[in-house]
Amino acid sequence: MKIDTDNLLNSILDSLSRIDYIHASDIPNIDLYMDQVTTFMDEQLSSTKRYEQDKILTKTMINNYAKNNLLPPPLKKKYSKEHVLFLIFIYYFKNILSIKDIETLLRPLAEKYFHKEGAPDLSSIYEEVCSMEKSQVEPLQEEMKEIYDRAIASFLDAPEEERTYLQLFSLICSLSFDVYVKKQIIEKLIDSMEN
């Protein structure tokens, strides 16, 4: 196995620099039918697909989210801007959290800010969270360089034909451990919300 490690790191750092989010102002201010919601989400989040055939959001998913109390029910089969914001949160959370955890996390948001007058509104909460996340990209790039350098410095005594694989394996293990630990922390924080 031969991997161009310099290109790999540059590709990773480049992908981190392109991380963006759907701005609340990009979401239509009119209520949408389900087909319009799935089309909007697919257009806006297509860059997050790993494989071309991956689905961002389907009608079945939306119906299941409403049935599992992750998403407030539509009004007359139409979804508001706030519904779309909820769907964006769900889209990102579903990769790491259980349905129950997502429901626990989003329930207070639905109860206090969904279709409620006053400040803050759901759009401003969403924008605040996203801008905070965007500010983490540069520190993540630096952290990624450090993790990458440690992985490339590992297994230097391994036979050359095995070294690249072992270094890549080491990198994946380090990143996986980081995700595992952060997931544990997230779950503990969500558990504290139930008390």
C-alpha atoms as a PDB file:
ATOM      1  CA  MET A   1       0.000   0.000   0.000  1.00  0.00           C
ATOM      2  CA  LYS A   2       1.479   3.308  -1.062  1.00  0.00           C
ATOM      3  CA  ILE A   3      -0.173   6.540   0.048  1.00  0.00           C
ATOM      4  CA  ASP A   4       1.163   9.997  -0.695  1.00  0.00           C
ATOM      5  CA  THR A   5       1.087  11.218   2.892  1.00  0.00           C
ATOM      6  CA  ASP A   6       1.781  14.877   2.074  1.00  0.00           C
ATOM      7  CA  ASN A   7      -1.145  14.980  -0.353  1.00  0.00           C
ATOM      8  CA  LEU A   8      -3.303  13.181   2.213  1.00  0.00           C
ATOM      9  CA  LEU A   9      -2.645  15.829   4.869  1.00  0.00           C
ATOM     10  CA  ASN A  10      -3.170  18.675   2.395  1.00  0.00           C
ATOM     11  CA  SER A  11      -6.433  17.115   1.250  1.00  0.00           C
ATOM     12  CA  ILE A  12      -7.647  16.770   4.857  1.00  0.00           C
ATOM     13  CA  LEU A  13      -6.703  20.357   5.718  1.00  0.00           C
ATOM     14  CA  ASP A  14      -8.308  21.628   2.519  1.00  0.00           C
ATOM     15  CA  SER A  15     -11.551  19.789   3.299  1.00  0.00           C
ATOM     16  CA  LEU A  16     -11.561  21.311   6.797  1.00  0.00           C
ATOM     17  CA  SER A  17     -11.126  24.808   5.365  1.00  0.00           C
ATOM     18  CA  ARG A  18     -14.182  24.299   3.129  1.00  0.00           C
ATOM     19  CA  ILE A  19     -16.498  23.378   5.994  1.00  0.00           C
ATOM     20  CA  ASP A  20     -19.463  25.677   5.913  1.00  0.00           C
ATOM     21  CA  TYR A  21     -23.068  25.606   7.008  1.00  0.00           C
ATOM     22  CA  ILE A  22     -26.450  26.572   5.664  1.00  0.00           C
ATOM     23  CA  HIS A  23     -27.058  30.136   6.735  1.00  0.00           C
ATOM     24  CA  ALA A  24     -30.490  30.820   8.183  1.00  0.00           C
ATOM     25  CA  SER A  25     -30.892  33.601   5.614  1.00  0.00           C
ATOM     26  CA  ASP A  26     -30.529  30.980   2.827  1.00  0.00           C
ATOM     27  CA  ILE A  27     -33.606  29.114   4.032  1.00  0.00           C
ATOM     28  CA  PRO A  28     -36.792  30.270   2.305  1.00  0.00           C
ATOM     29  CA  ASN A  29     -39.091  32.390   4.465  1.00  0.00           C
ATOM     30  CA  ILE A  30     -42.113  30.628   3.017  1.00  0.00           C
ATOM     31  CA  ASP A  31     -43.521  27.300   4.105  1.00  0.00           C
ATOM     32  CA  LEU A  32     -42.414  24.373   1.951  1.00  0.00           C
ATOM     33  CA  TYR A  33     -43.957  21.082   0.972  1.00  0.00           C
ATOM     34  CA  MET A  34     -41.986  17.961   1.794  1.00  0.00           C
ATOM     35  CA  ASP A  35     -40.565  17.588  -1.755  1.00  0.00           C
ATOM     36  CA  GLN A  36     -39.317  21.168  -1.601  1.00  0.00           C
ATOM     37  CA  VAL A  37     -37.685  20.513   1.777  1.00  0.00           C
ATOM     38  CA  THR A  38     -35.868  17.388   0.551  1.00  0.00           C
ATOM     39  CA  THR A  39     -34.721  19.211  -2.601  1.00  0.00           C
ATOM     40  CA  PHE A  40     -33.479  22.207  -0.597  1.00  0.00           C
ATOM     41  CA  MET A  41     -31.585  20.025   1.863  1.00  0.00           C
ATOM     42  CA  ASP A  42     -30.070  17.915  -0.907  1.00  0.00           C
ATOM     43  CA  GLU A  43     -28.861  21.013  -2.752  1.00  0.00           C
ATOM     44  CA  GLN A  44     -27.482  22.681   0.355  1.00  0.00           C
ATOM     45  CA  LEU A  45     -25.795  19.644   1.905  1.00  0.00           C
ATOM     46  CA  SER A  46     -24.659  17.745  -1.181  1.00  0.00           C
ATOM     47  CA  SER A  47     -21.006  18.514  -0.395  1.00  0.00           C
ATOM     48  CA  THR A  48     -21.337  16.491   2.827  1.00  0.00           C
ATOM     49  CA  LYS A  49     -22.133  13.274   0.992  1.00  0.00           C
ATOM     50  CA  ARG A  50     -19.486  10.610   1.117  1.00  0.00           C
ATOM     51  CA  TYR A  51     -20.923   8.779  -1.897  1.00  0.00           C
ATOM     52  CA  GLU A  52     -22.922  10.273  -4.737  1.00  0.00           C
ATOM     53  CA  GLN A  53     -25.865   7.900  -4.165  1.00  0.00           C
ATOM     54  CA  ASP A  54     -26.157   8.837  -0.458  1.00  0.00           C
ATOM     55  CA  LYS A  55     -29.422  10.464   0.527  1.00  0.00           C
ATOM     56  CA  ILE A  56     -29.363  13.622   2.623  1.00  0.00           C
ATOM     57  CA  LEU A  57     -33.019  13.443   3.572  1.00  0.00           C
ATOM     58  CA  THR A  58     -35.977  11.406   2.402  1.00  0.00           C
ATOM     59  CA  LYS A  59     -39.716  11.664   2.991  1.00  0.00           C
ATOM     60  CA  THR A  60     -39.518   8.549   5.154  1.00  0.00           C
ATOM     61  CA  MET A  61     -36.802  10.120   7.308  1.00  0.00           C
ATOM     62  CA  ILE A  62     -38.845  13.287   7.820  1.00  0.00           C
ATOM     63  CA  ASN A  63     -41.946  11.269   8.737  1.00  0.00           C
ATOM     64  CA  ASN A  64     -39.917   9.177  11.193  1.00  0.00           C
ATOM     65  CA  TYR A  65     -38.403  12.281  12.788  1.00  0.00           C
ATOM     66  CA  ALA A  66     -41.889  13.711  13.364  1.00  0.00           C
ATOM     67  CA  LYS A  67     -43.161  10.346  14.650  1.00  0.00           C
ATOM     68  CA  ASN A  68     -40.211  10.096  17.080  1.00  0.00           C
ATOM     69  CA  ASN A  69     -40.753  13.668  18.368  1.00  0.00           C
ATOM     70  CA  LEU A  70     -37.517  14.998  16.884  1.00  0.00           C
ATOM     71  CA  LEU A  71     -39.380  17.344  14.601  1.00  0.00           C
ATOM     72  CA  PRO A  72     -42.572  19.247  15.368  1.00  0.00           C
ATOM     73  CA  PRO A  73     -45.389  18.175  13.021  1.00  0.00           C
ATOM     74  CA  PRO A  74     -45.907  20.202   9.841  1.00  0.00           C
ATOM     75  CA  LEU A  75     -48.813  22.599   9.562  1.00  0.00           C
ATOM     76  CA  LYS A  76     -51.170  21.605   6.726  1.00  0.00           C
ATOM     77  CA  LYS A  77     -48.397  19.443   5.210  1.00  0.00           C
ATOM     78  CA  LYS A  78     -46.061  22.445   5.032  1.00  0.00           C
ATOM     79  CA  TYR A  79     -42.727  22.938   6.746  1.00  0.00           C
ATOM     80  CA  SER A  80     -41.576  26.306   8.052  1.00  0.00           C
ATOM     81  CA  LYS A  81     -38.083  27.751   8.164  1.00  0.00           C
ATOM     82  CA  GLU A  82     -37.925  26.528  11.768  1.00  0.00           C
ATOM     83  CA  HIS A  83     -38.698  22.979  10.642  1.00  0.00           C
ATOM     84  CA  VAL A  84     -35.764  23.203   8.224  1.00  0.00           C
ATOM     85  CA  LEU A  85     -33.481  24.418  11.032  1.00  0.00           C
ATOM     86  CA  PHE A  86     -34.523  21.409  13.113  1.00  0.00           C
ATOM     87  CA  LEU A  87     -33.838  19.113  10.168  1.00  0.00           C
ATOM     88  CA  ILE A  88     -30.347  20.566   9.802  1.00  0.00           C
ATOM     89  CA  PHE A  89     -29.614  19.918  13.477  1.00  0.00           C
ATOM     90  CA  ILE A  90     -30.988  16.387  13.145  1.00  0.00           C
ATOM     91  CA  TYR A  91     -28.895  15.775  10.024  1.00  0.00           C
ATOM     92  CA  TYR A  92     -25.671  16.469  11.895  1.00  0.00           C
ATOM     93  CA  PHE A  93     -26.649  14.827  15.184  1.00  0.00           C
ATOM     94  CA  LYS A  94     -27.898  11.567  13.653  1.00  0.00           C
ATOM     95  CA  ASN A  95     -24.367  10.517  12.742  1.00  0.00           C
ATOM     96  CA  ILE A  96     -23.250  10.388  16.356  1.00  0.00           C
ATOM     97  CA  LEU A  97     -26.289  10.398  18.634  1.00  0.00           C
ATOM     98  CA  SER A  98     -29.176   8.048  19.236  1.00  0.00           C
ATOM     99  CA  ILE A  99     -32.730   9.087  18.356  1.00  0.00           C
ATOM    100  CA  LYS A 100     -33.498   9.306  22.093  1.00  0.00           C
ATOM    101  CA  ASP A 101     -30.515  11.597  22.689  1.00  0.00           C
ATOM    102  CA  ILE A 102     -31.479  13.849  19.793  1.00  0.00           C
ATOM    103  CA  GLU A 103     -35.027  14.045  21.108  1.00  0.00           C
ATOM    104  CA  THR A 104     -33.746  14.944  24.589  1.00  0.00           C
ATOM    105  CA  LEU A 105     -31.485  17.595  23.129  1.00  0.00           C
ATOM    106  CA  LEU A 106     -34.055  19.170  20.811  1.00  0.00           C
ATOM    107  CA  ARG A 107     -37.186  18.964  23.007  1.00  0.00           C
ATOM    108  CA  PRO A 108     -36.373  22.125  25.025  1.00  0.00           C
ATOM    109  CA  LEU A 109     -35.549  23.946  21.793  1.00  0.00           C
ATOM    110  CA  ALA A 110     -38.945  22.991  20.371  1.00  0.00           C
ATOM    111  CA  GLU A 111     -40.802  23.882  23.566  1.00  0.00           C
ATOM    112  CA  LYS A 112     -39.160  27.275  24.109  1.00  0.00           C
ATOM    113  CA  TYR A 113     -38.307  28.570  20.634  1.00  0.00           C
ATOM    114  CA  PHE A 114     -40.325  26.787  17.931  1.00  0.00           C
ATOM    115  CA  HIS A 115     -42.861  29.258  16.527  1.00  0.00           C
ATOM    116  CA  LYS A 116     -42.501  31.460  19.596  1.00  0.00           C
ATOM    117  CA  GLU A 117     -42.286  35.236  19.547  1.00  0.00           C
ATOM    118  CA  GLY A 118     -39.413  36.971  21.245  1.00  0.00           C
ATOM    119  CA  ALA A 119     -35.681  36.834  21.420  1.00  0.00           C
ATOM    120  CA  PRO A 120     -33.756  34.787  20.864  1.00  0.00           C
ATOM    121  CA  ASP A 121     -35.568  33.143  17.995  1.00  0.00           C
ATOM    122  CA  LEU A 122     -34.600  29.793  16.500  1.00  0.00           C
ATOM    123  CA  SER A 123     -32.742  31.412  13.583  1.00  0.00           C
ATOM    124  CA  SER A 124     -30.534  33.487  15.877  1.00  0.00           C
ATOM    125  CA  ILE A 125     -29.812  30.448  18.083  1.00  0.00           C
ATOM    126  CA  TYR A 126     -28.853  28.457  14.986  1.00  0.00           C
ATOM    127  CA  GLU A 127     -26.604  31.246  13.637  1.00  0.00           C
ATOM    128  CA  GLU A 128     -24.884  31.684  17.011  1.00  0.00           C
ATOM    129  CA  VAL A 129     -24.103  27.977  17.267  1.00  0.00           C
ATOM    130  CA  CYS A 130     -22.896  27.788  13.663  1.00  0.00           C
ATOM    131  CA  SER A 131     -20.620  30.816  13.966  1.00  0.00           C
ATOM    132  CA  MET A 132     -19.096  29.287  17.087  1.00  0.00           C
ATOM    133  CA  GLU A 133     -18.512  26.048  15.189  1.00  0.00           C
ATOM    134  CA  LYS A 134     -17.003  27.908  12.220  1.00  0.00           C
ATOM    135  CA  SER A 135     -14.491  29.548  14.570  1.00  0.00           C
ATOM    136  CA  GLN A 136     -13.253  26.067  15.514  1.00  0.00           C
ATOM    137  CA  VAL A 137     -12.022  25.213  12.003  1.00  0.00           C
ATOM    138  CA  GLU A 138      -8.570  26.793  12.309  1.00  0.00           C
ATOM    139  CA  PRO A 139      -7.799  25.220  15.713  1.00  0.00           C
ATOM    140  CA  LEU A 140      -9.012  21.881  14.299  1.00  0.00           C
ATOM    141  CA  GLN A 141      -6.599  22.230  11.391  1.00  0.00           C
ATOM    142  CA  GLU A 142      -3.721  22.777  13.814  1.00  0.00           C
ATOM    143  CA  GLU A 143      -4.820  19.830  15.941  1.00  0.00           C
ATOM    144  CA  MET A 144      -5.098  17.684  12.815  1.00  0.00           C
ATOM    145  CA  LYS A 145      -1.518  18.557  11.828  1.00  0.00           C
ATOM    146  CA  GLU A 146      -0.278  17.464  15.264  1.00  0.00           C
ATOM    147  CA  ILE A 147      -2.204  14.179  15.202  1.00  0.00           C
ATOM    148  CA  TYR A 148      -1.028  13.550  11.650  1.00  0.00           C
ATOM    149  CA  ASP A 149       2.622  14.256  12.559  1.00  0.00           C
ATOM    150  CA  ARG A 150       2.415  11.830  15.509  1.00  0.00           C
ATOM    151  CA  ALA A 151       0.943   9.135  13.286  1.00  0.00           C
ATOM    152  CA  ILE A 152       3.590   9.619  10.587  1.00  0.00           C
ATOM    153  CA  ALA A 153       6.292   9.418  13.279  1.00  0.00           C
ATOM    154  CA  SER A 154       4.952   6.036  14.407  1.00  0.00           C
ATOM    155  CA  PHE A 155       6.063   2.622  13.152  1.00  0.00           C
ATOM    156  CA  LEU A 156       9.317   3.958  11.709  1.00  0.00           C
ATOM    157  CA  ASP A 157      10.940   0.574  12.378  1.00  0.00           C
ATOM    158  CA  ALA A 158       8.272  -1.325  10.435  1.00  0.00           C
ATOM    159  CA  PRO A 159       9.169  -2.723   7.013  1.00  0.00           C
ATOM    160  CA  GLU A 160       8.666  -0.066   4.367  1.00  0.00           C
ATOM    161  CA  GLU A 161       5.886  -1.993   2.593  1.00  0.00           C
ATOM    162  CA  GLU A 162       3.890  -2.106   5.858  1.00  0.00           C
ATOM    163  CA  ARG A 163       4.831   1.272   7.342  1.00  0.00           C
ATOM    164  CA  THR A 164       2.381   3.416   5.360  1.00  0.00           C
ATOM    165  CA  TYR A 165      -0.569   1.214   6.270  1.00  0.00           C
ATOM    166  CA  LEU A 166       0.412   1.142   9.960  1.00  0.00           C
ATOM    167  CA  GLN A 167       0.834   4.920  10.041  1.00  0.00           C
ATOM    168  CA  LEU A 168      -2.551   5.417   8.392  1.00  0.00           C
ATOM    169  CA  PHE A 169      -4.050   2.919  10.822  1.00  0.00           C
ATOM    170  CA  SER A 170      -2.476   4.867  13.687  1.00  0.00           C
ATOM    171  CA  LEU A 171      -3.963   8.117  12.357  1.00  0.00           C
ATOM    172  CA  ILE A 172      -7.429   6.573  12.060  1.00  0.00           C
ATOM    173  CA  CYS A 173      -7.169   5.108  15.576  1.00  0.00           C
ATOM    174  CA  SER A 174      -6.163   8.480  17.039  1.00  0.00           C
ATOM    175  CA  LEU A 175      -9.039  10.263  15.328  1.00  0.00           C
ATOM    176  CA  SER A 176     -11.475   7.510  16.297  1.00  0.00           C
ATOM    177  CA  PHE A 177     -10.414   7.715  19.934  1.00  0.00           C
ATOM    178  CA  ASP A 178     -10.971  11.478  19.837  1.00  0.00           C
ATOM    179  CA  VAL A 179     -14.488  10.971  18.440  1.00  0.00           C
ATOM    180  CA  TYR A 180     -15.185   8.215  20.995  1.00  0.00           C
ATOM    181  CA  VAL A 181     -14.160  10.413  23.934  1.00  0.00           C
ATOM    182  CA  LYS A 182     -16.119  13.412  22.661  1.00  0.00           C
ATOM    183  CA  LYS A 183     -19.176  11.226  22.084  1.00  0.00           C
ATOM    184  CA  GLN A 184     -18.930  10.022  25.693  1.00  0.00           C
ATOM    185  CA  ILE A 185     -18.798  13.635  26.884  1.00  0.00           C
ATOM    186  CA  ILE A 186     -21.787  14.587  24.708  1.00  0.00           C
ATOM    187  CA  GLU A 187     -23.811  11.668  26.087  1.00  0.00           C
ATOM    188  CA  LYS A 188     -22.996  12.672  29.677  1.00  0.00           C
ATOM    189  CA  LEU A 189     -24.084  16.243  28.955  1.00  0.00           C
ATOM    190  CA  ILE A 190     -27.345  15.025  27.421  1.00  0.00           C
ATOM    191  CA  ASP A 191     -27.909  12.714  30.408  1.00  0.00           C
ATOM    192  CA  SER A 192     -27.528  15.738  32.689  1.00  0.00           C
ATOM    193  CA  MET A 193     -30.346  17.481  30.781  1.00  0.00           C
ATOM    194  CA  GLU A 194     -32.767  14.724  31.768  1.00  0.00           C
ATOM    195  CA  ASN A 195     -32.260  15.334  35.492  1.00  0.00           C
END
